[in-house]
C-alpha cells in the first residue's frame, strides 16, 4: 500500500467522523477505537494515536500538509531502507543507542545494579 493510499484512508476516516454526529461523539470518547472501527483494522495503539492527531487536525480544519510531508518522508525512508536491505541494521543501531542511553542514565545504572544484586543473591541460594 502506498503512502497516498494510506493518507486517503485517513482522509476518508476524518470525513466520515466529521459528517456523522454519532461517530464524532464516539471519536471524542475513544479516538483510537473509533479510527480502528472506521478503518476496519486493528493497529498498534501508538500508530493509531498518531493517526488520531491527524484526524483531529483534519476535522478542525487545520492545515495538515506539514504533518503529511513529514510522515511521507519517514514512510519513504522506511520503504527505501527495506528495499535496500538496511532497515534491520538501522533498527538494531537505534536499539543499541537506546540501550546505551538507558545504561548511562541514573535510573539505568540503578536498575542494572539492582539486577546484578538480585542475580548475586540467586547464585548464593543455589550455592547452598
Protein backbone atom coordinates (compact mmCIF):
# COMPACT_ATOMS: atom_id res chain seq x y z
CA UNK A 1 0.00 0.00 0.00
CA UNK A 2 1.42 3.38 -0.95
CA UNK A 3 1.63 6.39 1.33
CA UNK A 4 -1.02 8.13 -0.77
CA UNK A 5 -3.41 5.20 -0.29
CA UNK A 6 -2.86 5.25 3.47
CA UNK A 7 -3.39 9.03 3.58
CA UNK A 8 -6.58 8.65 1.53
CA UNK A 9 -7.93 6.14 4.07
CA UNK A 10 -7.29 8.57 6.93
CA UNK A 11 -8.79 11.45 4.94
CA UNK A 12 -11.89 9.31 4.36
CA UNK A 13 -11.98 8.41 8.05
CA UNK A 14 -11.83 12.11 9.01
CA UNK A 15 -14.65 12.93 6.58
CA UNK A 16 -16.85 10.14 7.99
CA UNK A 17 -16.29 11.31 11.56
CA UNK A 18 -16.84 14.95 10.63
CA UNK A 19 -20.14 14.20 8.87
CA UNK A 20 -21.63 11.70 11.35
CA UNK A 21 -22.63 13.14 14.74
CA UNK A 22 -22.74 9.75 16.50
CA UNK A 23 -19.36 8.79 15.09
CA UNK A 24 -17.97 12.18 16.14
CA UNK A 25 -19.17 11.61 19.72
CA UNK A 26 -17.64 8.15 19.71
CA UNK A 27 -14.38 9.67 18.38
CA UNK A 28 -14.33 12.23 21.21
CA UNK A 29 -14.74 9.45 23.77
CA UNK A 30 -12.27 6.97 22.24
CA UNK A 31 -10.37 8.19 19.15
CA UNK A 32 -8.20 5.07 18.80
CA UNK A 33 -11.10 2.59 18.83
CA UNK A 34 -13.20 4.80 16.54
CA UNK A 35 -10.46 5.01 13.93
CA UNK A 36 -9.85 1.26 14.08
CA UNK A 37 -13.59 0.58 13.75
CA UNK A 38 -13.97 3.08 10.91
CA UNK A 39 -10.99 1.68 9.01
CA UNK A 40 -11.92 -1.90 9.86
CA UNK A 41 -8.42 -2.77 11.08
CA UNK A 42 -6.71 -3.37 14.40
CA UNK A 43 -3.46 -1.40 14.57
CA UNK A 44 -0.93 -0.86 17.35
CA UNK A 45 -2.22 1.91 19.63
CA UNK A 46 0.85 4.10 19.09
CA UNK A 47 0.23 4.16 15.34
CA UNK A 48 -3.44 4.91 15.79
CA UNK A 49 -2.71 7.68 18.31
CA UNK A 50 -0.63 9.46 15.67
CA UNK A 51 -3.42 8.93 13.15
CA UNK A 52 -5.94 10.28 15.68
CA UNK A 53 -3.99 13.52 15.94
CA UNK A 54 -4.04 13.81 12.15
CA UNK A 55 -7.79 13.13 12.06
CA UNK A 56 -8.41 15.69 14.84
CA UNK A 57 -6.45 18.32 12.92
CA UNK A 58 -8.25 17.47 9.69
CA UNK A 59 -11.69 17.71 11.37
CA UNK A 60 -10.73 21.04 12.94
CA UNK A 61 -9.78 22.38 9.51
CA UNK A 62 -6.11 22.75 10.42
CA UNK A 63 -3.65 22.60 7.53
CA UNK A 64 -2.14 19.12 7.75
CA UNK A 65 0.31 19.47 4.86
CA UNK A 66 3.38 19.76 7.12
CA UNK A 67 2.29 16.66 9.08
CA UNK A 68 1.71 14.79 5.83
CA UNK A 69 5.06 15.88 4.36
CA UNK A 70 6.95 14.71 7.46
CA UNK A 71 5.07 11.42 7.55
CA UNK A 72 5.69 10.85 3.84
CA UNK A 73 9.44 11.43 4.25
CA UNK A 74 9.53 8.96 7.14
CA UNK A 75 7.44 6.42 5.22
CA UNK A 76 9.55 6.80 2.06
CA UNK A 77 12.74 6.40 4.12
CA UNK A 78 11.47 3.21 5.73
CA UNK A 79 10.41 1.79 2.37
CA UNK A 80 13.78 2.68 0.81
CA UNK A 81 15.67 1.09 3.73
CA UNK A 82 13.53 -2.04 3.49
CA UNK A 83 14.16 -2.32 -0.26
CA UNK A 84 17.89 -1.76 0.23
CA UNK A 85 18.02 -4.37 2.98
CA UNK A 86 19.34 -1.87 5.53
CA UNK A 87 16.24 -1.49 7.69
CA UNK A 88 17.22 -4.20 10.19
CA UNK A 89 20.67 -2.64 10.63
CA UNK A 90 19.15 0.79 11.27
CA UNK A 91 16.66 -0.62 13.76
CA UNK A 92 19.41 -2.56 15.52
CA UNK A 93 21.52 0.62 15.63
CA UNK A 94 18.66 2.60 17.18
CA UNK A 95 18.03 -0.12 19.74
CA UNK A 96 21.73 -0.09 20.65
CA UNK A 97 21.61 3.71 21.06
CA UNK A 98 18.59 3.46 23.36
CA UNK A 99 20.22 0.69 25.40
CA UNK A 100 23.39 2.79 25.81
CA UNK A 101 21.31 5.82 26.81
CA UNK A 102 19.47 3.76 29.42
CA UNK A 103 22.69 2.19 30.70
CA UNK A 104 24.26 5.64 31.06
CA UNK A 105 21.28 7.23 32.78
CA UNK A 106 20.99 7.35 36.56
CA UNK A 107 17.88 5.19 36.57
CA UNK A 108 19.51 2.75 34.14
CA UNK A 109 22.52 2.39 36.43
CA UNK A 110 20.23 1.77 39.40
CA UNK A 111 18.28 -0.88 37.50
CA UNK A 112 21.49 -2.60 36.38
CA UNK A 113 22.87 -2.53 39.94
CA UNK A 114 19.65 -3.96 41.36
CA UNK A 115 19.58 -6.68 38.69
CA UNK A 116 23.19 -7.61 39.40
CA UNK A 117 22.48 -7.68 43.14
CA UNK A 118 19.45 -9.91 42.61
CA UNK A 119 21.47 -12.18 40.34
CA UNK A 120 24.17 -12.49 43.02
CA UNK A 121 21.54 -13.41 45.62
CA UNK A 122 20.09 -16.08 43.36
CA UNK A 123 23.58 -17.51 42.75
CA UNK A 124 24.15 -17.61 46.51
CA UNK A 125 20.91 -19.55 47.03
CA UNK A 126 22.00 -22.20 44.54
CA UNK A 127 25.47 -22.48 46.08
CA UNK A 128 23.94 -23.60 49.39
